[in-house]
Amino acid sequence: MDILASWPVALFALGVVFFLVFKQPISRLIDRVRRVGVGNTGIDAASGTQTGGVASQLSAADELLKTFDNALLLQREEEIRREFEKNNLAQGSDRDRVLIRFLAGLSITLYFERTYSIIWGSQIGVLEILNQFRESGVEIEIFRHSYEQAAVREPNLYRDYTFEGWLGFMVDSRLINRRGTKVYITLEGTEFLKYLVHQGFNLYKRG
């Protein structure tokens, strides 16, 4: 379908707008969804305690959607609905499958874009090496030399940045796994490299 071929860019743009416009509402939503309302009684999802409250006239879905009311977002929603109708995707399981796939793709794109904005060139170099040894992995200590070389090139960046912190960033970002004395590239790490190449991003960043 044409809709599947043309939407990735549109979805990414929508995702960027969403996070820029709704940064504060998202924080409020996190607090809101911790409470599940049942009639006049609220249940705190974190503590499990019950508290009294006024019954809402809105459904749970309406209440959450209302948090993100915005003219541009509503306009995009209508465009998406029209696209679904044009491609004969009625409400139901087929539409849900497509939406879930789009949402998954959007979340990966945002994750990769965010990771690229903060990862350093020396760390991308580690991923490139590990990508050649996906099954066997590489001894952690081998990468200490890469870290030390980068620290010599960029002493100001690395002044308070230890080898463990440098490696730990990639672990925390789910790009690599540590198993014993070795590190292995993850599925996320492999796909991240593919994404950088596909988008034409510079692999030789500072750091």
N, C-alpha and C. Protein backbone atom coordinates (compact mmCIF):
# COMPACT_ATOMS: atom_id res chain seq x y z
N MET A 1 0.84 -1.20 0.00
CA MET A 1 0.00 0.00 0.00
C MET A 1 0.88 1.25 0.00
N ASP A 2 0.41 2.30 -0.72
CA ASP A 2 1.15 3.56 -0.75
C ASP A 2 1.28 4.16 0.64
N ILE A 3 0.29 3.94 1.46
CA ILE A 3 0.30 4.53 2.79
C ILE A 3 1.48 4.03 3.60
N LEU A 4 1.85 2.76 3.43
CA LEU A 4 2.97 2.21 4.18
C LEU A 4 4.29 2.77 3.69
N ALA A 5 4.38 3.08 2.41
CA ALA A 5 5.63 3.58 1.86
C ALA A 5 5.84 5.05 2.17
N SER A 6 4.76 5.83 2.27
CA SER A 6 4.90 7.28 2.40
C SER A 6 4.83 7.79 3.82
N TRP A 7 4.42 6.97 4.77
CA TRP A 7 4.19 7.49 6.11
C TRP A 7 5.38 7.54 7.05
N PRO A 8 6.44 6.76 6.90
CA PRO A 8 7.50 6.83 7.90
C PRO A 8 8.00 8.24 8.17
N VAL A 9 8.23 9.04 7.11
CA VAL A 9 8.71 10.41 7.30
C VAL A 9 7.66 11.26 7.99
N ALA A 10 6.41 11.09 7.55
CA ALA A 10 5.33 11.86 8.17
C ALA A 10 5.18 11.51 9.63
N LEU A 11 5.30 10.23 9.96
CA LEU A 11 5.18 9.81 11.35
C LEU A 11 6.31 10.36 12.19
N PHE A 12 7.51 10.38 11.62
CA PHE A 12 8.63 10.94 12.37
C PHE A 12 8.40 12.42 12.65
N ALA A 13 7.94 13.17 11.63
CA ALA A 13 7.67 14.59 11.82
C ALA A 13 6.61 14.78 12.89
N LEU A 14 5.57 13.97 12.85
CA LEU A 14 4.51 14.04 13.85
C LEU A 14 5.07 13.76 15.24
N GLY A 15 5.96 12.76 15.31
CA GLY A 15 6.54 12.42 16.61
C GLY A 15 7.36 13.56 17.18
N VAL A 16 8.14 14.25 16.33
CA VAL A 16 8.93 15.38 16.80
C VAL A 16 8.02 16.48 17.33
N VAL A 17 6.98 16.80 16.55
CA VAL A 17 6.02 17.83 16.99
C VAL A 17 5.40 17.43 18.31
N PHE A 18 5.01 16.16 18.41
CA PHE A 18 4.36 15.66 19.62
C PHE A 18 5.22 15.90 20.86
N PHE A 19 6.49 15.53 20.79
CA PHE A 19 7.35 15.65 21.96
C PHE A 19 7.74 17.08 22.26
N LEU A 20 7.86 17.93 21.23
CA LEU A 20 8.17 19.33 21.48
C LEU A 20 7.00 20.06 22.11
N VAL A 21 5.81 19.80 21.59
CA VAL A 21 4.63 20.52 22.05
C VAL A 21 4.12 20.01 23.38
N PHE A 22 4.26 18.69 23.61
CA PHE A 22 3.61 18.08 24.76
C PHE A 22 4.57 17.61 25.84
N LYS A 23 5.73 18.23 25.92
CA LYS A 23 6.71 17.80 26.92
C LYS A 23 6.13 17.89 28.33
N GLN A 24 5.48 18.99 28.66
CA GLN A 24 4.90 19.15 29.99
C GLN A 24 3.66 18.28 30.19
N PRO A 25 2.73 18.22 29.21
CA PRO A 25 1.57 17.33 29.40
C PRO A 25 1.95 15.89 29.61
N ILE A 26 3.04 15.42 29.01
CA ILE A 26 3.46 14.04 29.21
C ILE A 26 3.77 13.80 30.68
N SER A 27 4.46 14.76 31.30
CA SER A 27 4.77 14.63 32.72
C SER A 27 3.50 14.54 33.55
N ARG A 28 2.52 15.37 33.19
CA ARG A 28 1.26 15.33 33.92
C ARG A 28 0.52 14.03 33.68
N LEU A 29 0.64 13.51 32.44
CA LEU A 29 -0.03 12.25 32.12
C LEU A 29 0.52 11.12 32.97
N ILE A 30 1.83 11.10 33.18
CA ILE A 30 2.42 10.04 33.99
C ILE A 30 1.80 10.01 35.37
N ASP A 31 1.60 11.20 35.95
CA ASP A 31 0.96 11.25 37.26
C ASP A 31 -0.49 10.79 37.18
N ARG A 32 -1.15 11.17 36.09
CA ARG A 32 -2.57 10.86 35.95
C ARG A 32 -2.82 9.37 35.79
N VAL A 33 -2.03 8.71 34.95
CA VAL A 33 -2.29 7.30 34.68
C VAL A 33 -1.92 6.41 35.85
N ARG A 34 -1.25 6.95 36.86
CA ARG A 34 -0.96 6.17 38.05
C ARG A 34 -2.21 5.96 38.88
N ARG A 35 -3.27 6.72 38.56
CA ARG A 35 -4.51 6.58 39.29
C ARG A 35 -5.58 6.02 38.38
N VAL A 36 -6.21 4.96 38.79
CA VAL A 36 -7.27 4.33 38.02
C VAL A 36 -8.58 4.60 38.74
N GLY A 37 -9.50 5.28 38.08
CA GLY A 37 -10.75 5.63 38.73
C GLY A 37 -11.81 4.54 38.59
N VAL A 38 -12.51 4.21 39.68
CA VAL A 38 -13.63 3.27 39.65
C VAL A 38 -14.78 3.94 40.38
N GLY A 39 -15.74 4.48 39.61
CA GLY A 39 -16.84 5.19 40.24
C GLY A 39 -16.30 6.41 40.96
N ASN A 40 -16.61 6.52 42.26
CA ASN A 40 -16.14 7.64 43.05
C ASN A 40 -14.86 7.31 43.79
N THR A 41 -14.29 6.15 43.52
CA THR A 41 -13.10 5.73 44.26
C THR A 41 -11.91 5.67 43.34
N GLY A 42 -10.78 6.23 43.76
CA GLY A 42 -9.56 6.18 42.98
C GLY A 42 -8.61 5.18 43.60
N ILE A 43 -7.87 4.47 42.75
CA ILE A 43 -6.88 3.52 43.22
C ILE A 43 -5.52 3.96 42.72
N ASP A 44 -4.60 4.25 43.63
CA ASP A 44 -3.26 4.65 43.26
C ASP A 44 -2.50 3.42 42.80
N ALA A 45 -2.04 3.42 41.52
CA ALA A 45 -1.39 2.24 40.95
C ALA A 45 -0.07 1.93 41.63
N ALA A 46 0.59 2.93 42.20
CA ALA A 46 1.89 2.70 42.82
C ALA A 46 1.75 2.14 44.22
N SER A 47 0.85 2.74 45.02
CA SER A 47 0.74 2.32 46.42
C SER A 47 -0.38 1.33 46.66
N GLY A 48 -1.38 1.28 45.75
CA GLY A 48 -2.50 0.38 45.93
C GLY A 48 -3.53 0.91 46.91
N THR A 49 -3.36 2.14 47.40
CA THR A 49 -4.32 2.72 48.35
C THR A 49 -5.47 3.34 47.60
N GLN A 50 -6.63 3.38 48.29
CA GLN A 50 -7.82 3.95 47.68
C GLN A 50 -8.08 5.33 48.27
N THR A 51 -8.56 6.22 47.39
CA THR A 51 -8.91 7.56 47.85
C THR A 51 -10.22 7.95 47.22
N GLY A 52 -10.98 8.81 47.89
CA GLY A 52 -12.25 9.26 47.36
C GLY A 52 -12.06 10.29 46.29
N GLY A 53 -13.05 10.47 45.42
CA GLY A 53 -12.95 11.45 44.37
C GLY A 53 -14.28 11.61 43.68
N VAL A 54 -14.34 12.59 42.74
CA VAL A 54 -15.56 12.85 41.99
C VAL A 54 -15.55 12.01 40.73
N ALA A 55 -16.62 11.32 40.46
CA ALA A 55 -16.70 10.46 39.28
C ALA A 55 -16.56 11.30 38.02
N SER A 56 -15.71 10.89 37.10
CA SER A 56 -15.51 11.62 35.86
C SER A 56 -16.59 11.23 34.86
N GLN A 57 -17.05 12.23 34.08
CA GLN A 57 -18.03 11.98 33.03
C GLN A 57 -17.36 11.48 31.75
N LEU A 58 -16.00 11.53 31.71
CA LEU A 58 -15.27 11.10 30.54
C LEU A 58 -14.79 9.67 30.71
N SER A 59 -14.69 8.96 29.60
CA SER A 59 -14.11 7.62 29.66
C SER A 59 -12.62 7.76 29.92
N ALA A 60 -11.99 6.64 30.28
CA ALA A 60 -10.55 6.68 30.53
C ALA A 60 -9.80 7.13 29.27
N ALA A 61 -10.23 6.65 28.10
CA ALA A 61 -9.57 7.04 26.85
C ALA A 61 -9.74 8.53 26.58
N ASP A 62 -10.99 9.03 26.78
CA ASP A 62 -11.25 10.46 26.55
C ASP A 62 -10.41 11.32 27.50
N GLU A 63 -10.29 10.87 28.74
CA GLU A 63 -9.54 11.62 29.73
C GLU A 63 -8.07 11.74 29.32
N LEU A 64 -7.50 10.64 28.84
CA LEU A 64 -6.10 10.67 28.41
C LEU A 64 -5.93 11.51 27.15
N LEU A 65 -6.83 11.35 26.18
CA LEU A 65 -6.72 12.11 24.94
C LEU A 65 -6.87 13.60 25.18
N LYS A 66 -7.72 13.97 26.14
CA LYS A 66 -7.95 15.38 26.45
C LYS A 66 -6.66 16.04 26.92
N THR A 67 -5.77 15.26 27.54
CA THR A 67 -4.51 15.80 28.03
C THR A 67 -3.68 16.37 26.88
N PHE A 68 -3.86 15.80 25.68
CA PHE A 68 -3.03 16.19 24.55
C PHE A 68 -3.79 17.00 23.50
N ASP A 69 -4.90 17.63 23.87
CA ASP A 69 -5.64 18.42 22.92
C ASP A 69 -4.75 19.52 22.34
N ASN A 70 -4.68 19.57 21.02
CA ASN A 70 -3.88 20.57 20.33
C ASN A 70 -4.38 20.65 18.90
N ALA A 71 -4.47 21.85 18.34
CA ALA A 71 -5.06 22.03 17.01
C ALA A 71 -4.31 21.25 15.95
N LEU A 72 -2.97 21.30 15.98
CA LEU A 72 -2.19 20.59 14.97
C LEU A 72 -2.35 19.09 15.10
N LEU A 73 -2.34 18.60 16.35
CA LEU A 73 -2.49 17.16 16.57
C LEU A 73 -3.85 16.68 16.09
N LEU A 74 -4.90 17.43 16.37
CA LEU A 74 -6.24 17.05 15.92
C LEU A 74 -6.32 17.06 14.40
N GLN A 75 -5.63 18.01 13.78
CA GLN A 75 -5.62 18.07 12.31
C GLN A 75 -4.93 16.83 11.75
N ARG A 76 -3.80 16.43 12.34
CA ARG A 76 -3.10 15.24 11.86
C ARG A 76 -3.94 13.98 12.09
N GLU A 77 -4.64 13.92 13.21
CA GLU A 77 -5.51 12.78 13.48
C GLU A 77 -6.53 12.61 12.37
N GLU A 78 -7.13 13.73 11.95
CA GLU A 78 -8.14 13.67 10.90
C GLU A 78 -7.52 13.22 9.58
N GLU A 79 -6.31 13.67 9.29
CA GLU A 79 -5.62 13.24 8.07
C GLU A 79 -5.37 11.73 8.10
N ILE A 80 -4.98 11.21 9.25
CA ILE A 80 -4.74 9.77 9.39
C ILE A 80 -6.03 8.99 9.18
N ARG A 81 -7.12 9.47 9.77
CA ARG A 81 -8.41 8.80 9.60
C ARG A 81 -8.80 8.74 8.12
N ARG A 82 -8.58 9.86 7.41
CA ARG A 82 -8.93 9.88 5.98
C ARG A 82 -8.07 8.90 5.19
N GLU A 83 -6.79 8.80 5.56
CA GLU A 83 -5.91 7.85 4.88
C GLU A 83 -6.38 6.41 5.11
N PHE A 84 -6.79 6.12 6.33
CA PHE A 84 -7.29 4.78 6.61
C PHE A 84 -8.54 4.48 5.80
N GLU A 85 -9.45 5.44 5.72
CA GLU A 85 -10.67 5.23 4.96
C GLU A 85 -10.36 5.05 3.48
N LYS A 86 -9.42 5.85 2.97
CA LYS A 86 -9.05 5.75 1.55
C LYS A 86 -8.46 4.38 1.22
N ASN A 87 -7.77 3.79 2.20
CA ASN A 87 -7.13 2.48 1.99
C ASN A 87 -7.96 1.34 2.57
N ASN A 88 -9.25 1.64 2.83
CA ASN A 88 -10.20 0.61 3.28
C ASN A 88 -9.75 -0.10 4.56
N LEU A 89 -9.18 0.67 5.47
CA LEU A 89 -8.80 0.13 6.78
C LEU A 89 -9.84 0.58 7.80
N ALA A 90 -10.88 -0.21 7.93
CA ALA A 90 -11.94 0.14 8.87
C ALA A 90 -11.47 -0.12 10.30
N GLN A 91 -12.24 0.41 11.24
CA GLN A 91 -11.91 0.16 12.63
C GLN A 91 -11.94 -1.34 12.90
N GLY A 92 -10.99 -1.80 13.69
CA GLY A 92 -10.93 -3.22 13.98
C GLY A 92 -9.49 -3.70 14.01
N SER A 93 -9.33 -5.00 13.88
CA SER A 93 -8.02 -5.61 14.06
C SER A 93 -7.00 -5.14 13.02
N ASP A 94 -7.43 -4.98 11.75
CA ASP A 94 -6.49 -4.56 10.72
C ASP A 94 -5.95 -3.16 11.00
N ARG A 95 -6.84 -2.25 11.39
CA ARG A 95 -6.40 -0.90 11.69
C ARG A 95 -5.48 -0.91 12.92
N ASP A 96 -5.82 -1.71 13.90
CA ASP A 96 -4.99 -1.79 15.10
C ASP A 96 -3.58 -2.28 14.75
N ARG A 97 -3.52 -3.29 13.89
CA ARG A 97 -2.21 -3.83 13.49
C ARG A 97 -1.36 -2.77 12.82
N VAL A 98 -1.98 -2.00 11.94
CA VAL A 98 -1.24 -0.95 11.23
C VAL A 98 -0.79 0.13 12.20
N LEU A 99 -1.68 0.54 13.08
CA LEU A 99 -1.33 1.59 14.05
C LEU A 99 -0.22 1.15 14.98
N ILE A 100 -0.29 -0.10 15.43
CA ILE A 100 0.76 -0.61 16.31
C ILE A 100 2.10 -0.64 15.58
N ARG A 101 2.08 -1.06 14.30
CA ARG A 101 3.32 -1.09 13.52
C ARG A 101 3.88 0.32 13.35
N PHE A 102 3.00 1.29 13.04
CA PHE A 102 3.45 2.67 12.89
C PHE A 102 4.02 3.21 14.20
N LEU A 103 3.34 2.91 15.30
CA LEU A 103 3.79 3.40 16.60
C LEU A 103 5.15 2.79 16.96
N ALA A 104 5.31 1.50 16.68
CA ALA A 104 6.59 0.84 16.95
C ALA A 104 7.70 1.47 16.10
N GLY A 105 7.41 1.72 14.82
CA GLY A 105 8.40 2.33 13.95
C GLY A 105 8.76 3.73 14.40
N LEU A 106 7.75 4.48 14.82
CA LEU A 106 7.99 5.84 15.29
C LEU A 106 8.85 5.84 16.55
N SER A 107 8.56 4.94 17.47
CA SER A 107 9.33 4.91 18.72
C SER A 107 10.79 4.54 18.46
N ILE A 108 11.03 3.64 17.50
CA ILE A 108 12.40 3.27 17.15
C ILE A 108 13.11 4.45 16.51
N THR A 109 12.41 5.15 15.62
CA THR A 109 13.02 6.31 14.96
C THR A 109 13.42 7.38 15.97
N LEU A 110 12.52 7.68 16.90
CA LEU A 110 12.83 8.68 17.92
C LEU A 110 13.99 8.22 18.80
N TYR A 111 14.01 6.94 19.13
CA TYR A 111 15.09 6.37 19.94
C TYR A 111 16.42 6.50 19.22
N PHE A 112 16.46 6.19 17.92
CA PHE A 112 17.69 6.28 17.15
C PHE A 112 18.14 7.74 16.99
N GLU A 113 17.19 8.63 16.73
CA GLU A 113 17.54 10.03 16.57
C GLU A 113 18.11 10.62 17.86
N ARG A 114 17.48 10.28 18.98
CA ARG A 114 17.96 10.76 20.27
C ARG A 114 19.34 10.19 20.58
N THR A 115 19.52 8.91 20.31
CA THR A 115 20.82 8.27 20.58
C THR A 115 21.91 8.89 19.73
N TYR A 116 21.62 9.14 18.46
CA TYR A 116 22.64 9.72 17.59
C TYR A 116 23.03 11.13 18.05
N SER A 117 22.09 11.85 18.61
CA SER A 117 22.38 13.23 19.02
C SER A 117 23.37 13.29 20.18
N ILE A 118 23.49 12.20 20.95
CA ILE A 118 24.35 12.25 22.13
C ILE A 118 25.51 11.25 22.10
N ILE A 119 25.49 10.30 21.17
CA ILE A 119 26.58 9.31 21.12
C ILE A 119 27.82 9.96 20.54
N TRP A 120 28.99 9.47 20.93
CA TRP A 120 30.25 10.00 20.43
C TRP A 120 30.80 9.10 19.32
N GLY A 121 31.67 9.69 18.49
CA GLY A 121 32.23 8.96 17.37
C GLY A 121 32.97 7.70 17.77
N SER A 122 33.72 7.77 18.87
CA SER A 122 34.47 6.59 19.31
C SER A 122 33.54 5.45 19.70
N GLN A 123 32.37 5.79 20.20
CA GLN A 123 31.39 4.76 20.58
C GLN A 123 30.75 4.13 19.35
N ILE A 124 30.53 4.93 18.32
CA ILE A 124 30.03 4.36 17.07
C ILE A 124 31.08 3.40 16.50
N GLY A 125 32.36 3.76 16.66
CA GLY A 125 33.43 2.88 16.21
C GLY A 125 33.39 1.53 16.91
N VAL A 126 33.07 1.53 18.20
CA VAL A 126 32.93 0.28 18.94
C VAL A 126 31.82 -0.56 18.34
N LEU A 127 30.70 0.06 18.02
CA LEU A 127 29.58 -0.67 17.44
C LEU A 127 29.95 -1.29 16.09
N GLU A 128 30.72 -0.54 15.30
CA GLU A 128 31.12 -1.06 13.99
C GLU A 128 31.99 -2.31 14.14
N ILE A 129 32.88 -2.28 15.12
CA ILE A 129 33.73 -3.45 15.35
C ILE A 129 32.90 -4.62 15.85
N LEU A 130 32.05 -4.36 16.83
CA LEU A 130 31.22 -5.43 17.39
C LEU A 130 30.28 -6.03 16.36
N ASN A 131 29.87 -5.21 15.40
CA ASN A 131 28.96 -5.70 14.37
C ASN A 131 29.61 -6.78 13.51
N GLN A 132 30.95 -6.79 13.47
CA GLN A 132 31.67 -7.80 12.71
C GLN A 132 31.86 -9.09 13.51
N PHE A 133 31.60 -9.00 14.81
CA PHE A 133 31.78 -10.16 15.68
C PHE A 133 30.52 -10.38 16.52
N ARG A 134 29.39 -10.46 15.84
CA ARG A 134 28.10 -10.53 16.54
C ARG A 134 27.99 -11.77 17.42
N GLU A 135 28.47 -12.88 16.92
CA GLU A 135 28.32 -14.13 17.66
C GLU A 135 29.39 -14.30 18.74
N SER A 136 30.63 -13.99 18.40
CA SER A 136 31.74 -14.24 19.33
C SER A 136 31.94 -13.14 20.35
N GLY A 137 31.52 -11.91 20.02
CA GLY A 137 31.77 -10.80 20.93
C GLY A 137 33.24 -10.41 20.93
N VAL A 138 33.57 -9.39 21.72
CA VAL A 138 34.93 -8.88 21.81
C VAL A 138 35.27 -8.64 23.28
N GLU A 139 36.49 -8.95 23.65
CA GLU A 139 36.95 -8.70 25.02
C GLU A 139 36.87 -7.21 25.35
N ILE A 140 36.33 -6.90 26.50
CA ILE A 140 36.13 -5.51 26.90
C ILE A 140 37.43 -4.72 26.88
N GLU A 141 38.49 -5.32 27.36
CA GLU A 141 39.75 -4.60 27.49
C GLU A 141 40.31 -4.14 26.15
N ILE A 142 39.92 -4.80 25.07
CA ILE A 142 40.39 -4.38 23.75
C ILE A 142 39.93 -2.95 23.44
N PHE A 143 38.78 -2.59 23.96
CA PHE A 143 38.24 -1.26 23.66
C PHE A 143 38.81 -0.16 24.56
N ARG A 144 39.57 -0.55 25.56
CA ARG A 144 40.20 0.46 26.40
C ARG A 144 41.15 1.33 25.57
N HIS A 145 41.80 0.71 24.60
CA HIS A 145 42.70 1.46 23.72
C HIS A 145 41.91 2.49 22.90
N SER A 146 40.74 2.12 22.43
CA SER A 146 39.90 3.05 21.67
C SER A 146 39.51 4.23 22.55
N TYR A 147 39.16 3.93 23.79
CA TYR A 147 38.80 4.98 24.75
C TYR A 147 39.97 5.92 24.99
N GLU A 148 41.15 5.36 25.21
CA GLU A 148 42.33 6.18 25.51
C GLU A 148 42.72 7.05 24.32
N GLN A 149 42.59 6.51 23.12
CA GLN A 149 42.89 7.31 21.93
C GLN A 149 41.93 8.49 21.81
N ALA A 150 40.65 8.23 22.06
CA ALA A 150 39.66 9.31 21.99
C ALA A 150 39.92 10.35 23.06
N ALA A 151 40.35 9.90 24.24
CA ALA A 151 40.63 10.83 25.34
C ALA A 151 41.81 11.72 25.01
N VAL A 152 42.78 11.21 24.26
CA VAL A 152 43.93 12.02 23.83
C VAL A 152 43.48 13.07 22.81
N ARG A 153 42.60 12.68 21.90
CA ARG A 153 42.12 13.61 20.88
C ARG A 153 41.23 14.69 21.47
N GLU A 154 40.42 14.33 22.47
CA GLU A 154 39.45 15.27 23.05
C GLU A 154 39.62 15.31 24.57
N PRO A 155 40.72 15.85 25.07
CA PRO A 155 40.96 15.82 26.52
C PRO A 155 39.90 16.54 27.34
N ASN A 156 39.34 17.60 26.79
CA ASN A 156 38.31 18.33 27.55
C ASN A 156 37.04 17.53 27.72
N LEU A 157 36.67 16.79 26.67
CA LEU A 157 35.47 15.97 26.74
C LEU A 157 35.64 14.82 27.72
N TYR A 158 36.84 14.26 27.76
CA TYR A 158 37.07 13.03 28.52
C TYR A 158 37.66 13.26 29.90
N ARG A 159 37.82 14.52 30.29
CA ARG A 159 38.49 14.81 31.55
C ARG A 159 37.85 14.07 32.72
N ASP A 160 36.54 14.08 32.80
CA ASP A 160 35.83 13.43 33.91
C ASP A 160 35.00 12.24 33.44
N TYR A 161 35.36 11.70 32.28
CA TYR A 161 34.58 10.60 31.69
C TYR A 161 35.42 9.33 31.72
N THR A 162 35.09 8.42 32.59
CA THR A 162 35.88 7.20 32.77
C THR A 162 35.58 6.19 31.67
N PHE A 163 36.44 5.19 31.57
CA PHE A 163 36.23 4.10 30.62
C PHE A 163 34.92 3.38 30.91
N GLU A 164 34.64 3.16 32.20
CA GLU A 164 33.39 2.48 32.57
C GLU A 164 32.18 3.30 32.19
N GLY A 165 32.28 4.60 32.35
CA GLY A 165 31.17 5.46 31.96
C GLY A 165 30.96 5.48 30.46
N TRP A 166 32.07 5.51 29.73
CA TRP A 166 32.05 5.51 28.27
C TRP A 166 31.41 4.24 27.74
N LEU A 167 31.80 3.11 28.31
CA LEU A 167 31.22 1.83 27.91
C LEU A 167 29.79 1.69 28.43
N GLY A 168 29.57 2.18 29.65
CA GLY A 168 28.26 2.07 30.28
C GLY A 168 27.18 2.81 29.52
N PHE A 169 27.55 3.91 28.83
CA PHE A 169 26.56 4.62 28.03
C PHE A 169 25.96 3.71 26.97
N MET A 170 26.80 2.92 26.32
CA MET A 170 26.33 2.03 25.27
C MET A 170 25.48 0.89 25.84
N VAL A 171 25.84 0.44 27.04
CA VAL A 171 25.04 -0.59 27.70
C VAL A 171 23.68 -0.02 28.08
N ASP A 172 23.68 1.15 28.72
CA ASP A 172 22.43 1.78 29.16
C ASP A 172 21.54 2.13 27.97
N SER A 173 22.15 2.42 26.83
CA SER A 173 21.39 2.76 25.62
C SER A 173 20.93 1.52 24.87
N ARG A 174 21.23 0.33 25.42
CA ARG A 174 20.80 -0.96 24.86
C ARG A 174 21.45 -1.24 23.52
N LEU A 175 22.62 -0.64 23.28
CA LEU A 175 23.33 -0.88 22.03
C LEU A 175 24.26 -2.08 22.14
N ILE A 176 24.73 -2.36 23.36
CA ILE A 176 25.62 -3.50 23.58
C ILE A 176 25.23 -4.20 24.88
N ASN A 177 25.65 -5.45 24.99
CA ASN A 177 25.48 -6.24 26.21
C ASN A 177 26.84 -6.63 26.75
N ARG A 178 26.96 -6.69 28.08
CA ARG A 178 28.17 -7.19 28.71
C ARG A 178 27.88 -8.58 29.25
N ARG A 179 28.75 -9.52 28.88
CA ARG A 179 28.63 -10.88 29.41
C ARG A 179 30.02 -11.32 29.84
N GLY A 180 30.24 -11.34 31.12
CA GLY A 180 31.55 -11.69 31.63
C GLY A 180 32.58 -10.66 31.21
N THR A 181 33.63 -11.09 30.54
CA THR A 181 34.70 -10.18 30.12
C THR A 181 34.51 -9.70 28.69
N LYS A 182 33.38 -10.03 28.09
CA LYS A 182 33.14 -9.65 26.69
C LYS A 182 31.94 -8.72 26.54
N VAL A 183 31.89 -8.04 25.41
CA VAL A 183 30.73 -7.24 25.04
C VAL A 183 30.23 -7.70 23.68
N TYR A 184 28.92 -7.60 23.49
CA TYR A 184 28.27 -8.04 22.25
C TYR A 184 27.34 -6.94 21.77
N ILE A 185 27.24 -6.78 20.48
CA ILE A 185 26.28 -5.82 19.94
C ILE A 185 24.88 -6.42 20.05
N THR A 186 23.91 -5.59 20.36
CA THR A 186 22.52 -6.03 20.47
C THR A 186 21.79 -5.84 19.14
N LEU A 187 20.57 -6.32 19.08
CA LEU A 187 19.75 -6.08 17.89
C LEU A 187 19.57 -4.58 17.68
N GLU A 188 19.36 -3.85 18.80
CA GLU A 188 19.22 -2.40 18.70
C GLU A 188 20.48 -1.76 18.12
N GLY A 189 21.65 -2.26 18.56
CA GLY A 189 22.90 -1.71 18.06
C GLY A 189 23.08 -1.95 16.57
N THR A 190 22.76 -3.16 16.13
CA THR A 190 22.88 -3.48 14.70
C THR A 190 21.94 -2.62 13.86
N GLU A 191 20.69 -2.51 14.31
CA GLU A 191 19.72 -1.72 13.55
C GLU A 191 20.05 -0.23 13.62
N PHE A 192 20.65 0.21 14.71
CA PHE A 192 21.07 1.61 14.84
C PHE A 192 22.11 1.94 13.77
N LEU A 193 23.09 1.06 13.57
CA LEU A 193 24.09 1.28 12.53
C LEU A 193 23.44 1.31 11.15
N LYS A 194 22.50 0.40 10.91
CA LYS A 194 21.79 0.40 9.62
C LYS A 194 21.07 1.73 9.40
N TYR A 195 20.46 2.21 10.47
CA TYR A 195 19.70 3.46 10.38
C TYR A 195 20.63 4.63 10.03
N LEU A 196 21.79 4.68 10.66
CA LEU A 196 22.73 5.77 10.40
C LEU A 196 23.18 5.76 8.94
N VAL A 197 23.47 4.57 8.43
CA VAL A 197 23.90 4.45 7.03
C VAL A 197 22.77 4.83 6.09
N HIS A 198 21.58 4.33 6.39
CA HIS A 198 20.41 4.61 5.53
C HIS A 198 20.10 6.09 5.49
N GLN A 199 20.27 6.78 6.62
CA GLN A 199 19.96 8.21 6.69
C GLN A 199 21.13 9.08 6.22
N GLY A 200 22.27 8.45 5.97
CA GLY A 200 23.43 9.21 5.51
C GLY A 200 24.08 10.03 6.61
N PHE A 201 23.94 9.60 7.86
CA PHE A 201 24.53 10.33 8.98
C PHE A 201 26.04 10.11 9.02
N ASN A 202 26.74 11.08 9.55
CA ASN A 202 28.18 11.00 9.71
C ASN A 202 28.52 10.03 10.84
N LEU A 203 29.31 8.99 10.53
CA LEU A 203 29.69 8.01 11.55
C LEU A 203 30.91 8.46 12.34
N TYR A 204 31.58 9.52 11.87
CA TYR A 204 32.82 9.95 12.52
C TYR A 204 32.58 11.26 13.26
N LYS A 205 31.74 11.17 14.24
CA LYS A 205 31.40 12.34 15.04
C LYS A 205 32.53 12.70 16.01
N ARG A 206 32.40 13.85 16.60
CA ARG A 206 33.34 14.26 17.65
C ARG A 206 33.21 13.30 18.83
N GLY A 207 34.31 13.13 19.55
CA GLY A 207 34.31 12.27 20.73
C GLY A 207 34.73 10.87 20.42
